[in-house]
């Protein structure tokens, strides 16, 4: 005996409102906090880079104001504060007055023995408010080795310090811009030092914004936690009722499945029991027809022919019902092998052409020999017979054309096109539904309404596809696609 299936909605997980609310708060807090931290980091980097670029631009401008030839003559300590010294210094002082973020501004020149010595210093005549440091004397050795300064000298390009440096409790950034003599050689370096108090003020403002945003996000997380708690509490209250509903649905499902099995068994049994006497009726009809033909009793023969036709029609209906019940129960087995569609279509056309000709309809088959597919030959014939039979049934003039063509995915397609009245658009959705009979024009639908339903299920079981197109007044086209031998993928 198979194990009972779980009830719909049945779960081992118990609704816990407090836990779910806490998880929601933590999730919102972690996600939003991470996003805020990333935003702060990149915003801080943008502020730092902006300050570095401002300082670098200021150093470039300062380098362009240097009178290089006059600066080169300052080669003796006695020139400190002299007329030439002040003439070289004047444009730098004017620049510092216009740009208060430049806290220190002076020049450096390479020393013959290595390193650097000081040139002119704006502190000689001008100081930023709060600057109490001693000015640098002319030719005074530079304070210490500096990698950024060395790079500016070596590359001849402006450089800005990547890290701040400290002096008397203050943090500074430095920029270095070389200036050149008439021969294009580096004659010296302008250094501009910026007290980062402005940058620090910007960063403090950014921190306050981030703190406020963090507080807002914390309140949002709490609010979300409250909403989740209330929602989950309501879910917990309804959980038991949902379980009872699921049990009722499961019982109804089991009852419906049992009824479906009983229906299938009943239809299969009744169809089988009806087929036996029908076969006897058809056999006796054939014997009677032969005897009456010998006696020349044409009137009675016509009556016997009607009995035989009605019996064959009823046998076809019973066959459809048997196939449908087997498909519905999953009991219909396939025997796939290489099937020649051209041969199948030639056989069927010979069978159906007399009936088509009697109604003035043309039946044209266009299929190259050796059009092989991998399918069950009996079921392929059943599907093709159904499609061709329907085309003949619902075509009053014109004809039916059958073509076999290559399809995507290594498949073959059989297209059955008729010039009948077509299928109304509002009937398309019902066409493949079981027991649905779609009337076309003045032609009344007959049979069980299972033919196309069975055909599509058979095609699906053979890894194929069955589709159609139809417009009222322009006929219908049914497209059957089946895989060729050796094709492993499903027909496209």
Protein backbone atom coordinates (compact mmCIF):
# COMPACT_ATOMS: atom_id res chain seq x y z
CA UNK A 1 0.00 0.00 0.00
CA UNK A 2 1.44 3.39 -0.95
CA UNK A 3 2.06 6.00 1.71
CA UNK A 4 -0.57 8.69 2.17
CA UNK A 5 0.21 11.94 0.46
CA UNK A 6 0.68 15.00 2.69
CA UNK A 7 -2.21 17.34 3.16
CA UNK A 8 -2.16 20.53 1.09
CA UNK A 9 -0.53 23.23 3.19
CA UNK A 10 0.64 20.69 5.82
CA UNK A 11 4.10 21.62 7.16
CA UNK A 12 6.35 20.87 10.13
CA UNK A 13 7.18 24.56 10.43
CA UNK A 14 5.19 26.33 13.11
CA UNK A 15 4.35 30.00 12.69
CA UNK A 16 6.32 31.98 15.29
CA UNK A 17 5.42 35.69 15.11
CA UNK A 18 8.20 36.95 17.42
CA UNK A 19 10.91 34.99 15.60
CA UNK A 20 9.71 36.09 12.17
CA UNK A 21 9.49 39.73 13.27
CA UNK A 22 13.03 39.60 14.68
CA UNK A 23 14.34 38.03 11.47
CA UNK A 24 12.64 40.73 9.43
CA UNK A 25 14.16 43.47 11.60
CA UNK A 26 17.62 41.92 11.37
CA UNK A 27 17.36 41.47 7.61
CA UNK A 28 16.26 45.06 7.05
CA UNK A 29 18.92 46.30 9.46
CA UNK A 30 21.73 44.31 7.87
CA UNK A 31 20.80 45.12 4.28
CA UNK A 32 20.14 48.82 4.86
CA UNK A 33 23.14 49.15 7.21
CA UNK A 34 25.43 47.55 4.66
CA UNK A 35 24.11 49.85 1.96
CA UNK A 36 24.56 52.87 4.20
CA UNK A 37 28.14 51.87 5.08
CA UNK A 38 29.03 51.44 1.41
CA UNK A 39 27.42 54.79 0.59
CA UNK A 40 29.38 56.52 3.37
CA UNK A 41 32.66 54.95 2.28
CA UNK A 42 32.31 56.04 -1.34
CA UNK A 43 30.99 59.48 -0.36
CA UNK A 44 34.01 59.95 1.92
CA UNK A 45 36.34 58.89 -0.89
CA UNK A 46 34.66 61.37 -3.21
CA UNK A 47 35.20 64.20 -0.69
CA UNK A 48 38.87 63.26 -0.20
CA UNK A 49 39.50 62.98 -3.92
CA UNK A 50 37.77 66.31 -4.50
CA UNK A 51 40.05 67.99 -1.93
CA UNK A 52 43.11 66.35 -3.51
CA UNK A 53 42.12 67.60 -6.97
CA UNK A 54 41.52 71.12 -5.67
CA UNK A 55 44.96 71.15 -4.03
CA UNK A 56 46.62 69.68 -7.13
CA UNK A 57 45.06 72.34 -9.34
CA UNK A 58 46.22 75.07 -6.96
CA UNK A 59 49.80 73.71 -7.13
CA UNK A 60 49.68 73.69 -10.94
CA UNK A 61 48.56 77.31 -11.02
CA UNK A 62 51.26 78.33 -8.52
CA UNK A 63 53.95 76.66 -10.67
CA UNK A 64 52.91 78.71 -13.71
CA UNK A 65 53.42 82.02 -11.78
CA UNK A 66 57.11 81.36 -10.96
CA UNK A 67 59.72 83.59 -12.64
CA UNK A 68 62.07 80.68 -13.26
CA UNK A 69 65.12 82.68 -14.33
CA UNK A 70 64.87 85.01 -11.33
CA UNK A 71 64.33 82.01 -9.03
CA UNK A 72 67.55 80.40 -10.31
CA UNK A 73 69.57 83.47 -9.23
CA UNK A 74 68.57 82.87 -5.58
CA UNK A 75 71.63 80.73 -4.93
CA UNK A 76 73.05 82.45 -1.84
CA UNK A 77 71.64 82.74 1.68
CA UNK A 78 72.22 86.51 1.53
CA UNK A 79 69.49 86.71 -1.15
CA UNK A 80 66.90 85.77 1.49
CA UNK A 81 64.30 88.58 1.68
CA UNK A 82 66.04 90.64 -1.00
CA UNK A 83 64.50 92.42 -3.96
CA UNK A 84 64.71 89.41 -6.34
CA UNK A 85 63.39 87.14 -3.58
CA UNK A 86 60.32 89.35 -3.09
CA UNK A 87 59.72 89.70 -6.85
CA UNK A 88 59.61 85.90 -7.21
CA UNK A 89 57.47 85.67 -4.07
CA UNK A 90 54.83 88.30 -5.04
CA UNK A 91 52.60 86.19 -7.36
CA UNK A 92 52.64 83.30 -4.87
CA UNK A 93 51.50 85.60 -2.07
CA UNK A 94 48.71 86.96 -4.27
CA UNK A 95 47.60 83.40 -5.02
CA UNK A 96 47.61 82.43 -1.34
CA UNK A 97 45.55 85.47 -0.40
CA UNK A 98 42.99 84.44 -3.04
CA UNK A 99 43.00 80.78 -1.96
CA UNK A 100 42.85 80.60 1.84
CA UNK A 101 42.85 76.79 1.76
CA UNK A 102 46.58 77.04 0.91
CA UNK A 103 48.04 77.08 4.45
CA UNK A 104 51.74 76.81 3.49
CA UNK A 105 53.11 77.74 0.06
CA UNK A 106 56.80 77.66 -0.83
CA UNK A 107 59.28 76.45 -3.43
CA UNK A 108 61.94 73.74 -3.31
CA UNK A 109 64.99 73.15 -5.49
CA UNK A 110 67.12 70.03 -5.88
CA UNK A 111 70.35 70.25 -3.81
CA UNK A 112 73.65 69.36 -5.50
CA UNK A 113 74.40 66.82 -2.78
CA UNK A 114 70.95 65.25 -3.05
CA UNK A 115 67.61 66.01 -1.48
CA UNK A 116 66.02 69.44 -1.58
CA UNK A 117 66.55 72.93 -0.15
CA UNK A 118 63.96 75.63 0.37
CA UNK A 119 63.46 78.50 -2.04
CA UNK A 120 60.94 81.29 -1.45
CA UNK A 121 58.33 81.03 1.34
CA UNK A 122 55.13 83.12 1.39
CA UNK A 123 55.34 83.19 5.21
CA UNK A 124 58.02 85.84 4.72
CA UNK A 125 55.33 88.46 4.03
CA UNK A 126 51.96 86.70 4.57
CA UNK A 127 50.55 84.15 6.99
CA UNK A 128 47.16 82.47 7.20
CA UNK A 129 45.34 83.30 10.42
CA UNK A 130 46.51 80.96 13.16
CA UNK A 131 49.87 80.16 11.57
CA UNK A 132 52.61 80.68 14.19
CA UNK A 133 55.25 78.45 12.65
CA UNK A 134 58.69 79.74 11.69
CA UNK A 135 59.19 80.46 8.03
CA UNK A 136 61.69 78.49 5.97
CA UNK A 137 64.91 80.37 5.20
CA UNK A 138 66.40 80.41 1.71
CA UNK A 139 68.54 77.30 1.02
CA UNK A 140 67.40 75.67 4.32
CA UNK A 141 67.42 71.87 3.88
CA UNK A 142 63.99 70.28 3.36
CA UNK A 143 62.59 68.63 6.49
CA UNK A 144 62.60 64.95 5.47
CA UNK A 145 62.46 62.53 2.50
CA UNK A 146 59.11 62.61 0.64
CA UNK A 147 58.13 59.97 -1.93
CA UNK A 148 55.49 62.17 -3.60
CA UNK A 149 58.02 65.00 -3.96
CA UNK A 150 60.57 62.60 -5.46
CA UNK A 151 57.98 61.35 -7.96
CA UNK A 152 57.16 64.91 -9.02
CA UNK A 153 60.88 65.54 -9.67
CA UNK A 154 61.46 62.20 -11.42
CA UNK A 155 58.37 62.30 -13.67
CA UNK A 156 58.05 66.06 -14.14
CA UNK A 157 54.33 65.82 -13.34
CA UNK A 158 52.28 67.24 -10.45
CA UNK A 159 51.67 64.86 -7.53
CA UNK A 160 49.39 64.93 -4.51
CA UNK A 161 49.95 63.11 -1.23
CA UNK A 162 47.81 60.02 -0.70
CA UNK A 163 47.92 60.28 3.09
CA UNK A 164 47.78 63.23 5.49
CA UNK A 165 50.71 64.27 7.66
CA UNK A 166 50.59 65.90 11.07
CA UNK A 167 52.15 69.07 12.51
CA UNK A 168 51.27 70.54 15.92
CA UNK A 169 48.11 68.45 16.09
CA UNK A 170 46.90 69.49 12.65
CA UNK A 171 46.45 67.25 9.60
CA UNK A 172 47.73 68.39 6.21
CA UNK A 173 47.63 67.28 2.59
CA UNK A 174 50.43 68.34 0.21
CA UNK A 175 50.63 68.86 -3.54
CA UNK A 176 53.81 69.22 -5.60
CA UNK A 177 54.01 70.84 -9.05
CA UNK A 178 57.34 71.15 -10.94
CA UNK A 179 58.35 74.28 -12.85
CA UNK A 180 60.83 74.17 -15.72
CA UNK A 181 63.71 76.24 -17.12
CA UNK A 182 64.02 77.35 -20.74
CA UNK A 183 65.65 74.03 -21.65
CA UNK A 184 62.67 72.05 -20.33
CA UNK A 185 64.49 70.72 -17.25
CA UNK A 186 62.88 70.71 -13.82
CA UNK A 187 64.16 73.85 -12.10
CA UNK A 188 62.22 73.40 -8.90
CA UNK A 189 59.03 72.29 -7.18
CA UNK A 190 56.15 74.34 -5.76
CA UNK A 191 54.71 72.77 -2.62
CA UNK A 192 51.25 73.71 -1.39
CA UNK A 193 50.13 72.39 2.01
CA UNK A 194 46.44 72.40 2.91
CA UNK A 195 45.13 72.15 6.44
CA UNK A 196 42.31 69.64 6.04
CA UNK A 197 39.99 71.41 8.46
CA UNK A 198 37.63 72.15 5.55
CA UNK A 199 37.71 68.51 4.49
CA UNK A 200 37.23 67.44 8.12
CA UNK A 201 34.19 69.71 8.36
CA UNK A 202 32.76 68.11 5.22
CA UNK A 203 33.40 64.63 6.58
CA UNK A 204 31.81 65.52 9.93
CA UNK A 205 28.73 66.76 8.06
CA UNK A 206 28.66 63.53 6.09
CA UNK A 207 28.90 61.53 9.33
CA UNK A 208 25.96 63.44 10.79
CA UNK A 209 23.92 62.67 7.67
CA UNK A 210 24.83 58.99 7.90
CA UNK A 211 23.97 58.89 11.61
CA UNK A 212 20.57 60.46 10.92
CA UNK A 213 19.94 58.01 8.09
CA UNK A 214 20.97 55.14 10.36
CA UNK A 215 18.49 56.25 13.01
CA UNK A 216 15.77 56.47 10.35
CA UNK A 217 16.58 53.00 9.09
CA UNK A 218 16.49 51.64 12.64
CA UNK A 219 12.99 53.09 13.09
CA UNK A 220 12.01 51.60 9.72
CA UNK A 221 13.30 48.18 10.78
CA UNK A 222 11.29 48.39 14.01
CA UNK A 223 8.16 49.41 12.08
CA UNK A 224 8.64 46.51 9.67
CA UNK A 225 9.14 44.16 12.62
CA UNK A 226 5.83 45.31 14.13
CA UNK A 227 4.00 44.82 10.84
CA UNK A 228 5.52 41.36 10.37
CA UNK A 229 4.66 40.40 13.94
CA UNK A 230 1.02 41.37 13.47
CA UNK A 231 0.80 39.63 10.13
CA UNK A 232 2.40 36.42 11.38
CA UNK A 233 0.27 36.49 14.52
CA UNK A 234 -2.82 36.56 12.32
CA UNK A 235 -1.36 33.71 10.25
CA UNK A 236 -0.80 31.67 13.40
CA UNK A 237 -4.40 32.25 14.43
CA UNK A 238 -5.65 30.92 11.08
CA UNK A 239 -3.17 28.06 10.78
CA UNK A 240 -5.36 25.48 12.48
CA UNK A 241 -8.34 26.46 10.37
CA UNK A 242 -6.20 26.14 7.25
CA UNK A 243 -5.16 22.63 8.29
CA UNK A 244 -8.77 21.60 8.72
CA UNK A 245 -9.60 23.03 5.32
CA UNK A 246 -6.66 21.14 3.81
CA UNK A 247 -7.90 17.90 5.33
CA UNK A 248 -11.33 18.45 3.82
CA UNK A 249 -9.76 19.19 0.44
CA UNK A 250 -7.62 16.06 0.67
CA UNK A 251 -10.67 13.94 1.43
CA UNK A 252 -12.52 15.49 -1.52
CA UNK A 253 -9.48 14.90 -3.74
CA UNK A 254 -9.27 11.24 -2.75
CA UNK A 255 -12.99 10.81 -3.37
CA UNK A 256 -12.71 12.45 -6.80
CA UNK A 257 -9.76 10.24 -7.76
CA UNK A 258 -11.63 7.15 -6.65
CA UNK A 259 -14.68 8.21 -8.69
CA UNK A 260 -12.43 8.84 -11.71
CA UNK A 261 -10.92 5.36 -11.41
CA UNK A 262 -14.37 3.82 -11.13
CA UNK A 263 -15.53 5.78 -14.18
CA UNK A 264 -12.56 4.59 -16.23
CA UNK A 265 -13.08 0.99 -15.15
CA UNK A 266 -16.80 1.21 -15.95
CA UNK A 267 -16.23 2.72 -19.41
CA UNK A 268 -13.55 0.17 -20.24
CA UNK A 269 -15.76 -2.74 -19.14
CA UNK A 270 -18.86 -1.48 -20.92
CA UNK A 271 -16.97 -0.70 -24.11
CA UNK A 272 -15.47 -4.15 -24.15
CA UNK A 273 -18.87 -5.80 -23.53
CA UNK A 274 -20.49 -3.74 -26.31
CA UNK A 275 -17.73 -4.44 -28.84
CA UNK A 276 -18.33 -8.22 -28.77
CA UNK A 277 -21.99 -8.14 -29.93
CA UNK A 278 -21.19 -5.35 -32.39
CA UNK A 279 -18.56 -7.52 -34.06
CA UNK A 280 -21.19 -10.28 -34.31
CA UNK A 281 -23.67 -7.84 -35.87
CA UNK A 282 -21.07 -6.70 -38.42
CA UNK A 283 -20.24 -10.34 -39.26
CA UNK A 284 -23.88 -11.31 -39.78
CA UNK A 285 -24.43 -8.13 -41.83
CA UNK A 286 -21.68 -9.17 -44.22
CA UNK A 287 -23.15 -12.70 -44.52
CA UNK A 288 -26.65 -11.31 -45.13
CA UNK A 289 -25.29 -8.93 -47.74
CA UNK A 290 -23.69 -11.79 -49.62
CA UNK A 291 -26.91 -13.89 -49.51
CA UNK A 292 -29.11 -10.97 -50.57
CA UNK A 293 -26.73 -10.11 -53.39
CA UNK A 294 -27.12 -13.67 -54.65
CA UNK A 295 -30.93 -13.40 -54.42
CA UNK A 296 -30.92 -9.94 -56.08
CA UNK A 297 -32.86 -8.33 -53.20
CA UNK A 298 -31.42 -4.81 -53.42
CA UNK A 299 -34.04 -3.23 -51.17
CA UNK A 300 -33.19 -5.45 -48.24
CA UNK A 301 -29.47 -5.06 -48.98
CA UNK A 302 -29.78 -1.30 -48.50
CA UNK A 303 -31.38 -1.87 -45.10
CA UNK A 304 -28.61 -4.29 -44.12
CA UNK A 305 -26.00 -1.73 -45.29
CA UNK A 306 -27.56 0.83 -42.98
CA UNK A 307 -27.31 -1.64 -40.10
CA UNK A 308 -23.62 -2.29 -40.92
CA UNK A 309 -22.82 1.44 -41.21
CA UNK A 310 -24.49 2.17 -37.88
CA UNK A 311 -22.60 -0.71 -36.28
CA UNK A 312 -19.26 0.50 -37.65
CA UNK A 313 -20.01 4.02 -36.40
CA UNK A 314 -20.85 2.68 -32.96
CA UNK A 315 -17.71 0.51 -33.00
CA UNK A 316 -15.62 3.61 -33.79
CA UNK A 317 -17.20 5.47 -30.88
CA UNK A 318 -16.48 2.56 -28.56
CA UNK A 319 -12.89 2.49 -29.83
CA UNK A 320 -12.50 6.17 -29.05
CA UNK A 321 -13.89 5.66 -25.54
CA UNK A 322 -11.50 2.74 -24.93
CA UNK A 323 -8.50 4.73 -26.13
CA UNK A 324 -9.48 7.73 -24.05
CA UNK A 325 -9.92 5.68 -20.86
CA UNK A 326 -6.54 4.00 -21.41
CA UNK A 327 -4.85 7.36 -21.99
CA UNK A 328 -6.62 8.86 -18.99
CA UNK A 329 -5.45 5.98 -16.80
CA UNK A 330 -1.93 5.95 -18.28
CA UNK A 331 -2.34 2.34 -19.49
CA UNK A 332 -1.83 2.89 -23.23
CA UNK A 333 1.64 1.68 -24.25
CA UNK A 334 3.59 2.75 -27.34
CA UNK A 335 5.74 0.59 -29.64
CA UNK A 336 7.99 3.20 -31.29
CA UNK A 337 9.92 2.28 -34.43
CA UNK A 338 10.89 3.78 -37.78
CA UNK A 339 7.67 4.72 -39.62
CA UNK A 340 7.56 5.80 -43.28
CA UNK A 341 5.11 8.71 -43.41
CA UNK A 342 5.00 8.68 -47.20
CA UNK A 343 3.83 5.06 -47.20
CA UNK A 344 1.25 5.71 -44.48
CA UNK A 345 -0.14 8.69 -46.38
CA UNK A 346 -0.27 6.77 -49.67
CA UNK A 347 -2.26 3.97 -47.99
CA UNK A 348 -4.67 6.42 -46.37
CA UNK A 349 -5.13 8.44 -49.55
CA UNK A 350 -6.09 5.24 -51.44
CA UNK A 351 -8.59 4.51 -48.67
CA UNK A 352 -10.14 7.98 -48.61
CA UNK A 353 -9.83 9.12 -52.25
CA UNK A 354 -13.05 7.38 -53.45
CA UNK A 355 -15.08 9.17 -50.77
CA UNK A 356 -13.44 12.48 -51.63
CA UNK A 357 -14.04 11.99 -55.35
CA UNK A 358 -17.71 11.19 -54.76
CA UNK A 359 -18.07 14.66 -53.21
CA UNK A 360 -16.02 16.39 -55.89
CA UNK A 361 -13.03 17.03 -53.58
CA UNK A 362 -9.38 16.77 -54.53
CA UNK A 363 -7.01 14.87 -52.22
CA UNK A 364 -3.35 15.71 -52.90
CA UNK A 365 -0.42 14.12 -51.02
CA UNK A 366 3.08 15.60 -51.32
CA UNK A 367 5.52 13.34 -49.45
CA UNK A 368 8.97 12.21 -50.55
CA UNK A 369 9.70 8.48 -50.20
CA UNK A 370 11.67 7.55 -47.12
CA UNK A 371 10.18 10.25 -44.87
CA UNK A 372 10.94 8.37 -41.67
CA UNK A 373 9.89 9.27 -38.12
CA UNK A 374 10.34 7.48 -34.78
CA UNK A 375 6.82 6.67 -33.56
CA UNK A 376 4.21 3.95 -33.06
CA UNK A 377 2.97 3.04 -36.58
CA UNK A 378 -0.54 2.10 -35.43
CA UNK A 379 -0.99 5.36 -33.51
CA UNK A 380 0.50 7.47 -36.31
CA UNK A 381 -2.03 5.95 -38.71
CA UNK A 382 -4.81 6.62 -36.18
CA UNK A 383 -3.84 10.29 -35.86
CA UNK A 384 -3.44 10.82 -39.62
CA UNK A 385 -6.76 9.11 -40.31
CA UNK A 386 -8.47 11.36 -37.79
CA UNK A 387 -6.97 14.53 -39.29
CA UNK A 388 -7.78 13.51 -42.88
CA UNK A 389 -11.25 12.31 -41.93
CA UNK A 390 -12.06 15.62 -40.23
CA UNK A 391 -10.73 17.56 -43.24
CA UNK A 392 -12.99 15.60 -45.59
CA UNK A 393 -15.95 15.88 -43.25
CA UNK A 394 -15.81 19.67 -42.99
CA UNK A 395 -14.81 20.53 -46.58
CA UNK A 396 -17.68 21.14 -49.03
CA UNK A 397 -15.67 22.24 -52.07
CA UNK A 398 -12.06 22.54 -53.07
CA UNK A 399 -9.92 19.85 -51.55
CA UNK A 400 -7.37 18.66 -49.03
CA UNK A 401 -3.62 18.97 -49.40
CA UNK A 402 -1.14 16.96 -47.32
CA UNK A 403 2.54 17.94 -47.29
CA UNK A 404 5.55 16.46 -45.45
CA UNK A 405 8.33 18.92 -44.77
CA UNK A 406 11.45 19.12 -42.50
CA UNK A 407 10.93 20.85 -39.14
CA UNK A 408 13.24 22.24 -36.50
CA UNK A 409 15.10 19.97 -34.11
CA UNK A 410 15.63 17.12 -36.59
CA UNK A 411 11.90 16.44 -37.00
CA UNK A 412 9.38 16.03 -39.80
CA UNK A 413 6.10 17.93 -40.05
CA UNK A 414 2.88 16.72 -41.71
CA UNK A 415 0.61 19.62 -42.64
CA UNK A 416 -3.02 18.78 -43.48
CA UNK A 417 -4.72 21.78 -45.09
CA UNK A 418 -8.34 21.93 -46.17
CA UNK A 419 -10.44 24.55 -47.96
CA UNK A 420 -13.40 24.09 -45.67
CA UNK A 421 -15.40 26.64 -43.74
CA UNK A 422 -12.77 26.98 -40.99
CA UNK A 423 -13.17 27.06 -37.23
CA UNK A 424 -14.61 30.15 -35.46
CA UNK A 425 -12.05 31.88 -33.25
CA UNK A 426 -14.22 31.54 -30.15
CA UNK A 427 -14.11 27.74 -30.61
CA UNK A 428 -10.30 27.40 -30.81
CA UNK A 429 -9.80 26.90 -27.07
CA UNK A 430 -12.33 24.02 -27.01
CA UNK A 431 -10.97 22.12 -30.00
CA UNK A 432 -8.75 19.66 -28.09
CA UNK A 433 -10.97 19.36 -25.01
CA UNK A 434 -12.57 15.95 -24.42
CA UNK A 435 -16.19 15.53 -25.56
CA UNK A 436 -16.16 19.02 -27.10
CA UNK A 437 -17.87 19.00 -30.50
CA UNK A 438 -17.19 22.09 -32.60
CA UNK A 439 -19.66 22.75 -35.42
CA UNK A 440 -18.21 24.27 -38.58
CA UNK A 441 -20.62 26.22 -40.74
CA UNK A 442 -23.65 24.21 -41.74
CA UNK A 443 -21.86 20.88 -41.11
CA UNK A 444 -23.11 19.30 -37.92
CA UNK A 445 -20.56 17.77 -35.59
CA UNK A 446 -20.88 14.02 -35.08
CA UNK A 447 -19.20 11.42 -32.91
CA UNK A 448 -17.94 11.55 -29.34
CA UNK A 449 -15.83 14.68 -29.58
CA UNK A 450 -12.80 12.63 -28.54
CA UNK A 451 -10.96 12.30 -31.86
CA UNK A 452 -8.71 15.35 -31.61
CA UNK A 453 -8.30 14.93 -27.84
CA UNK A 454 -7.02 11.38 -28.36
CA UNK A 455 -4.85 12.47 -31.30
CA UNK A 456 -3.10 15.17 -29.30
CA UNK A 457 -2.48 12.85 -26.34
CA UNK A 458 -1.10 10.16 -28.67
CA UNK A 459 1.19 12.68 -30.33
CA UNK A 460 2.39 13.94 -26.92
CA UNK A 461 3.12 10.34 -25.89
CA UNK A 462 5.28 9.96 -29.03
CA UNK A 463 7.31 13.13 -28.16
CA UNK A 464 5.59 15.08 -30.91
CA UNK A 465 3.33 18.11 -31.21
CA UNK A 466 -0.04 18.78 -32.78
CA UNK A 467 -1.06 22.37 -33.54
CA UNK A 468 -3.55 24.08 -35.84
CA UNK A 469 -4.41 27.34 -37.53
CA UNK A 470 -7.82 28.24 -38.85
CA UNK A 471 -9.79 31.25 -40.05
CA UNK A 472 -13.48 31.20 -40.88
CA UNK A 473 -13.96 31.02 -44.65
CA UNK A 474 -10.29 30.15 -45.33
CA UNK A 475 -10.07 26.57 -44.16
CA UNK A 476 -7.89 24.93 -41.52
CA UNK A 477 -4.31 23.66 -41.28
CA UNK A 478 -3.28 20.98 -38.78
CA UNK A 479 0.49 20.53 -38.23
CA UNK A 480 1.75 17.22 -36.85
CA UNK A 481 5.44 17.22 -35.87
CA UNK A 482 7.25 13.96 -35.00
CA UNK A 483 10.95 13.24 -34.30
CA UNK A 484 13.10 11.43 -36.83
CA UNK A 485 14.92 8.23 -35.83
CA UNK A 486 17.88 9.06 -33.59
CA UNK A 487 16.42 12.39 -32.45
CA UNK A 488 16.48 12.55 -28.63
CA UNK A 489 14.92 15.99 -28.11
CA UNK A 490 11.24 16.66 -28.04
CA UNK A 491 9.69 17.86 -31.31
CA UNK A 492 9.62 21.66 -31.58
